[in-house]
N, C-alpha and C. Protein backbone atom coordinates (compact mmCIF):
# COMPACT_ATOMS: atom_id res chain seq x y z
N MET A 1 -4.83 1.97 -3.39
CA MET A 1 -5.08 2.82 -4.53
C MET A 1 -5.30 4.24 -4.05
N VAL A 2 -5.12 5.17 -4.97
CA VAL A 2 -5.29 6.59 -4.68
C VAL A 2 -6.29 7.14 -5.69
N VAL A 3 -7.17 8.03 -5.25
CA VAL A 3 -8.18 8.62 -6.13
C VAL A 3 -8.03 10.14 -6.10
N TYR A 4 -7.93 10.73 -7.27
CA TYR A 4 -7.89 12.18 -7.42
C TYR A 4 -9.13 12.61 -8.19
N GLY A 5 -9.62 13.82 -7.91
CA GLY A 5 -10.79 14.29 -8.62
C GLY A 5 -10.81 15.80 -8.74
N ARG A 6 -11.51 16.24 -9.76
CA ARG A 6 -11.65 17.67 -10.02
C ARG A 6 -12.93 17.89 -10.81
N LEU A 7 -13.56 19.02 -10.59
CA LEU A 7 -14.79 19.35 -11.31
C LEU A 7 -14.48 20.10 -12.59
N ASP A 8 -15.19 19.73 -13.65
CA ASP A 8 -15.13 20.42 -14.93
C ASP A 8 -16.57 20.47 -15.42
N THR A 9 -17.25 21.56 -15.17
CA THR A 9 -18.69 21.63 -15.39
C THR A 9 -19.10 21.54 -16.85
N ASP A 10 -18.17 21.70 -17.77
CA ASP A 10 -18.51 21.66 -19.19
C ASP A 10 -18.60 20.24 -19.74
N ARG A 11 -18.27 19.25 -18.95
CA ARG A 11 -18.21 17.87 -19.43
C ARG A 11 -19.01 16.95 -18.51
N SER A 12 -19.18 15.72 -18.98
CA SER A 12 -19.79 14.71 -18.12
C SER A 12 -18.69 14.05 -17.29
N THR A 13 -19.06 13.18 -16.38
CA THR A 13 -18.09 12.52 -15.51
C THR A 13 -17.18 11.61 -16.35
N ARG A 14 -15.87 11.72 -16.10
CA ARG A 14 -14.90 10.91 -16.83
C ARG A 14 -14.00 10.17 -15.84
N LEU A 15 -13.48 9.04 -16.28
CA LEU A 15 -12.61 8.21 -15.46
C LEU A 15 -11.28 8.00 -16.16
N GLY A 16 -10.20 8.18 -15.41
CA GLY A 16 -8.86 7.88 -15.91
C GLY A 16 -8.22 6.86 -14.99
N LEU A 17 -7.53 5.90 -15.56
CA LEU A 17 -6.90 4.85 -14.77
C LEU A 17 -5.40 4.85 -15.03
N SER A 18 -4.62 4.71 -13.98
CA SER A 18 -3.18 4.62 -14.08
C SER A 18 -2.71 3.38 -13.34
N VAL A 19 -2.15 2.44 -14.10
CA VAL A 19 -1.65 1.19 -13.52
C VAL A 19 -0.23 1.02 -14.05
N SER A 20 0.76 1.22 -13.19
CA SER A 20 2.15 1.20 -13.63
C SER A 20 2.69 -0.22 -13.77
N ARG A 21 3.86 -0.33 -14.34
CA ARG A 21 4.52 -1.63 -14.50
C ARG A 21 4.88 -2.27 -13.17
N LYS A 22 4.95 -1.48 -12.13
CA LYS A 22 5.25 -2.02 -10.80
C LYS A 22 4.15 -2.97 -10.33
N VAL A 23 2.96 -2.81 -10.88
CA VAL A 23 1.83 -3.66 -10.49
C VAL A 23 2.01 -5.06 -11.07
N GLY A 24 2.57 -5.17 -12.26
CA GLY A 24 2.76 -6.48 -12.87
C GLY A 24 2.90 -6.36 -14.37
N GLY A 25 2.83 -7.50 -15.03
CA GLY A 25 2.94 -7.54 -16.49
C GLY A 25 1.69 -6.98 -17.16
N ALA A 26 1.70 -6.99 -18.48
CA ALA A 26 0.61 -6.39 -19.25
C ALA A 26 -0.73 -7.06 -18.96
N VAL A 27 -0.74 -8.37 -18.85
CA VAL A 27 -1.99 -9.09 -18.58
C VAL A 27 -2.55 -8.69 -17.22
N THR A 28 -1.70 -8.61 -16.22
CA THR A 28 -2.13 -8.22 -14.88
C THR A 28 -2.62 -6.79 -14.86
N ARG A 29 -1.90 -5.89 -15.49
CA ARG A 29 -2.31 -4.47 -15.52
C ARG A 29 -3.65 -4.31 -16.21
N ASN A 30 -3.86 -5.00 -17.32
CA ASN A 30 -5.14 -4.88 -18.02
C ASN A 30 -6.28 -5.46 -17.20
N ARG A 31 -6.03 -6.55 -16.47
CA ARG A 31 -7.06 -7.13 -15.61
C ARG A 31 -7.44 -6.14 -14.52
N ILE A 32 -6.44 -5.48 -13.93
CA ILE A 32 -6.70 -4.48 -12.89
C ILE A 32 -7.51 -3.32 -13.47
N ARG A 33 -7.15 -2.86 -14.66
CA ARG A 33 -7.91 -1.77 -15.31
C ARG A 33 -9.37 -2.15 -15.52
N ARG A 34 -9.59 -3.36 -16.03
CA ARG A 34 -10.97 -3.81 -16.27
C ARG A 34 -11.75 -3.90 -14.95
N ARG A 35 -11.12 -4.42 -13.91
CA ARG A 35 -11.79 -4.54 -12.62
C ARG A 35 -12.11 -3.16 -12.04
N LEU A 36 -11.16 -2.24 -12.13
CA LEU A 36 -11.40 -0.90 -11.58
C LEU A 36 -12.50 -0.17 -12.34
N SER A 37 -12.49 -0.27 -13.66
CA SER A 37 -13.54 0.43 -14.42
C SER A 37 -14.91 -0.18 -14.14
N GLU A 38 -14.98 -1.49 -13.98
CA GLU A 38 -16.25 -2.14 -13.66
C GLU A 38 -16.71 -1.79 -12.25
N ALA A 39 -15.78 -1.70 -11.30
CA ALA A 39 -16.14 -1.34 -9.93
C ALA A 39 -16.58 0.12 -9.85
N PHE A 40 -16.04 0.97 -10.72
CA PHE A 40 -16.40 2.39 -10.71
C PHE A 40 -17.78 2.65 -11.32
N ARG A 41 -18.18 1.82 -12.26
CA ARG A 41 -19.43 2.05 -13.02
C ARG A 41 -20.63 2.37 -12.14
N PRO A 42 -20.96 1.58 -11.12
CA PRO A 42 -22.15 1.93 -10.31
C PRO A 42 -21.89 3.10 -9.35
N LEU A 43 -20.63 3.44 -9.11
CA LEU A 43 -20.31 4.50 -8.15
C LEU A 43 -20.28 5.89 -8.79
N GLY A 44 -20.19 5.95 -10.09
CA GLY A 44 -20.09 7.24 -10.78
C GLY A 44 -21.27 8.15 -10.54
N GLY A 45 -22.44 7.59 -10.28
CA GLY A 45 -23.62 8.40 -10.03
C GLY A 45 -23.56 9.18 -8.73
N ALA A 46 -22.70 8.77 -7.81
CA ALA A 46 -22.57 9.46 -6.52
C ALA A 46 -21.79 10.76 -6.65
N LEU A 47 -21.10 10.93 -7.78
CA LEU A 47 -20.29 12.13 -7.99
C LEU A 47 -21.10 13.20 -8.68
N PRO A 48 -20.76 14.47 -8.45
CA PRO A 48 -21.46 15.53 -9.16
C PRO A 48 -21.16 15.46 -10.66
N ASN A 49 -22.07 15.95 -11.47
CA ASN A 49 -21.87 15.94 -12.92
C ASN A 49 -20.65 16.79 -13.27
N GLY A 50 -19.82 16.29 -14.14
CA GLY A 50 -18.63 17.02 -14.55
C GLY A 50 -17.39 16.65 -13.77
N ALA A 51 -17.45 15.60 -12.97
CA ALA A 51 -16.29 15.19 -12.18
C ALA A 51 -15.30 14.44 -13.07
N ASN A 52 -14.04 14.79 -12.95
CA ASN A 52 -12.96 14.06 -13.60
C ASN A 52 -12.26 13.27 -12.50
N VAL A 53 -12.22 11.96 -12.63
CA VAL A 53 -11.67 11.09 -11.60
C VAL A 53 -10.48 10.33 -12.16
N ILE A 54 -9.40 10.31 -11.40
CA ILE A 54 -8.22 9.52 -11.77
C ILE A 54 -7.96 8.54 -10.63
N ILE A 55 -7.86 7.28 -10.98
CA ILE A 55 -7.56 6.23 -10.00
C ILE A 55 -6.16 5.72 -10.30
N VAL A 56 -5.30 5.77 -9.30
CA VAL A 56 -3.93 5.28 -9.43
C VAL A 56 -3.83 3.99 -8.63
N ALA A 57 -3.56 2.89 -9.33
CA ALA A 57 -3.45 1.58 -8.67
C ALA A 57 -2.04 1.41 -8.13
N ARG A 58 -1.95 0.93 -6.92
CA ARG A 58 -0.68 0.63 -6.28
C ARG A 58 -0.42 -0.88 -6.37
N PRO A 59 0.84 -1.32 -6.27
CA PRO A 59 1.16 -2.74 -6.44
C PRO A 59 0.40 -3.69 -5.52
N ARG A 60 0.02 -3.24 -4.35
CA ARG A 60 -0.71 -4.08 -3.39
C ARG A 60 -2.07 -4.53 -3.92
N ILE A 61 -2.60 -3.86 -4.93
CA ILE A 61 -3.94 -4.15 -5.44
C ILE A 61 -4.03 -5.55 -6.04
N VAL A 62 -2.91 -6.10 -6.49
CA VAL A 62 -2.90 -7.43 -7.10
C VAL A 62 -3.34 -8.49 -6.09
N GLU A 63 -3.03 -8.28 -4.82
CA GLU A 63 -3.34 -9.25 -3.77
C GLU A 63 -4.79 -9.17 -3.31
N GLN A 64 -5.50 -8.10 -3.65
CA GLN A 64 -6.87 -7.91 -3.17
C GLN A 64 -7.87 -8.69 -4.02
N SER A 65 -8.94 -9.12 -3.38
CA SER A 65 -10.04 -9.71 -4.12
C SER A 65 -10.87 -8.59 -4.76
N TYR A 66 -11.71 -8.96 -5.69
CA TYR A 66 -12.54 -7.97 -6.36
C TYR A 66 -13.48 -7.29 -5.36
N HIS A 67 -14.02 -8.06 -4.44
CA HIS A 67 -14.94 -7.49 -3.44
C HIS A 67 -14.22 -6.43 -2.59
N ASN A 68 -13.01 -6.74 -2.12
CA ASN A 68 -12.27 -5.77 -1.32
C ASN A 68 -11.93 -4.52 -2.13
N MET A 69 -11.63 -4.71 -3.41
CA MET A 69 -11.35 -3.57 -4.28
C MET A 69 -12.59 -2.68 -4.40
N GLU A 70 -13.75 -3.29 -4.55
CA GLU A 70 -15.00 -2.54 -4.64
C GLU A 70 -15.27 -1.74 -3.37
N VAL A 71 -15.08 -2.38 -2.23
CA VAL A 71 -15.34 -1.73 -0.94
C VAL A 71 -14.40 -0.55 -0.75
N GLU A 72 -13.12 -0.75 -1.03
CA GLU A 72 -12.14 0.33 -0.87
C GLU A 72 -12.44 1.48 -1.83
N LEU A 73 -12.76 1.15 -3.07
CA LEU A 73 -13.07 2.19 -4.05
C LEU A 73 -14.34 2.96 -3.67
N ALA A 74 -15.33 2.26 -3.15
CA ALA A 74 -16.57 2.93 -2.72
C ALA A 74 -16.29 3.95 -1.62
N GLY A 75 -15.44 3.59 -0.66
CA GLY A 75 -15.08 4.52 0.41
C GLY A 75 -14.34 5.74 -0.13
N LEU A 76 -13.42 5.50 -1.06
CA LEU A 76 -12.66 6.62 -1.63
C LEU A 76 -13.55 7.53 -2.47
N ILE A 77 -14.49 6.95 -3.21
CA ILE A 77 -15.40 7.75 -4.03
C ILE A 77 -16.33 8.56 -3.14
N ASP A 78 -16.77 8.01 -2.02
CA ASP A 78 -17.61 8.77 -1.07
C ASP A 78 -16.86 9.99 -0.55
N LYS A 79 -15.60 9.80 -0.17
CA LYS A 79 -14.79 10.93 0.29
C LYS A 79 -14.62 11.97 -0.80
N LEU A 80 -14.36 11.49 -2.02
CA LEU A 80 -14.17 12.41 -3.14
C LEU A 80 -15.45 13.17 -3.45
N ALA A 81 -16.60 12.50 -3.38
CA ALA A 81 -17.87 13.16 -3.64
C ALA A 81 -18.12 14.28 -2.65
N GLY A 82 -17.78 14.05 -1.38
CA GLY A 82 -17.92 15.09 -0.38
C GLY A 82 -17.02 16.27 -0.65
N ALA A 83 -15.78 15.99 -1.03
CA ALA A 83 -14.82 17.07 -1.32
C ALA A 83 -15.24 17.86 -2.56
N LEU A 84 -15.74 17.18 -3.59
CA LEU A 84 -16.17 17.88 -4.80
C LEU A 84 -17.44 18.68 -4.56
N ALA A 85 -18.31 18.19 -3.66
CA ALA A 85 -19.52 18.94 -3.34
C ALA A 85 -19.16 20.25 -2.66
N LYS A 86 -18.15 20.21 -1.77
CA LYS A 86 -17.71 21.43 -1.12
C LYS A 86 -17.08 22.38 -2.13
N GLU A 87 -16.33 21.82 -3.08
CA GLU A 87 -15.65 22.63 -4.09
C GLU A 87 -16.66 23.36 -5.00
N SER A 88 -17.78 22.70 -5.28
CA SER A 88 -18.75 23.28 -6.21
C SER A 88 -19.56 24.42 -5.57
N LYS A 89 -19.54 24.52 -4.25
CA LYS A 89 -20.33 25.56 -3.57
C LYS A 89 -19.63 26.88 -3.58
């Protein structure tokens, strides 16, 4: 998966998810969206207020367990939080 982020100080933290048809059928894509949004929920507090985050799921995500998805997303959010902290200074 890929994570993009940008600061928008006028708003609260928002999450956008992109899961293309290459990932699978509608049922699979919706399951991935639900898992990603649930995995992001506890991690959102690590980001500065006003962060806009977009997560792009790649086809390989279907093979991952939920735990591995959480671990990978946590690492990406940590990197993004550092980059956004530098941007806000």
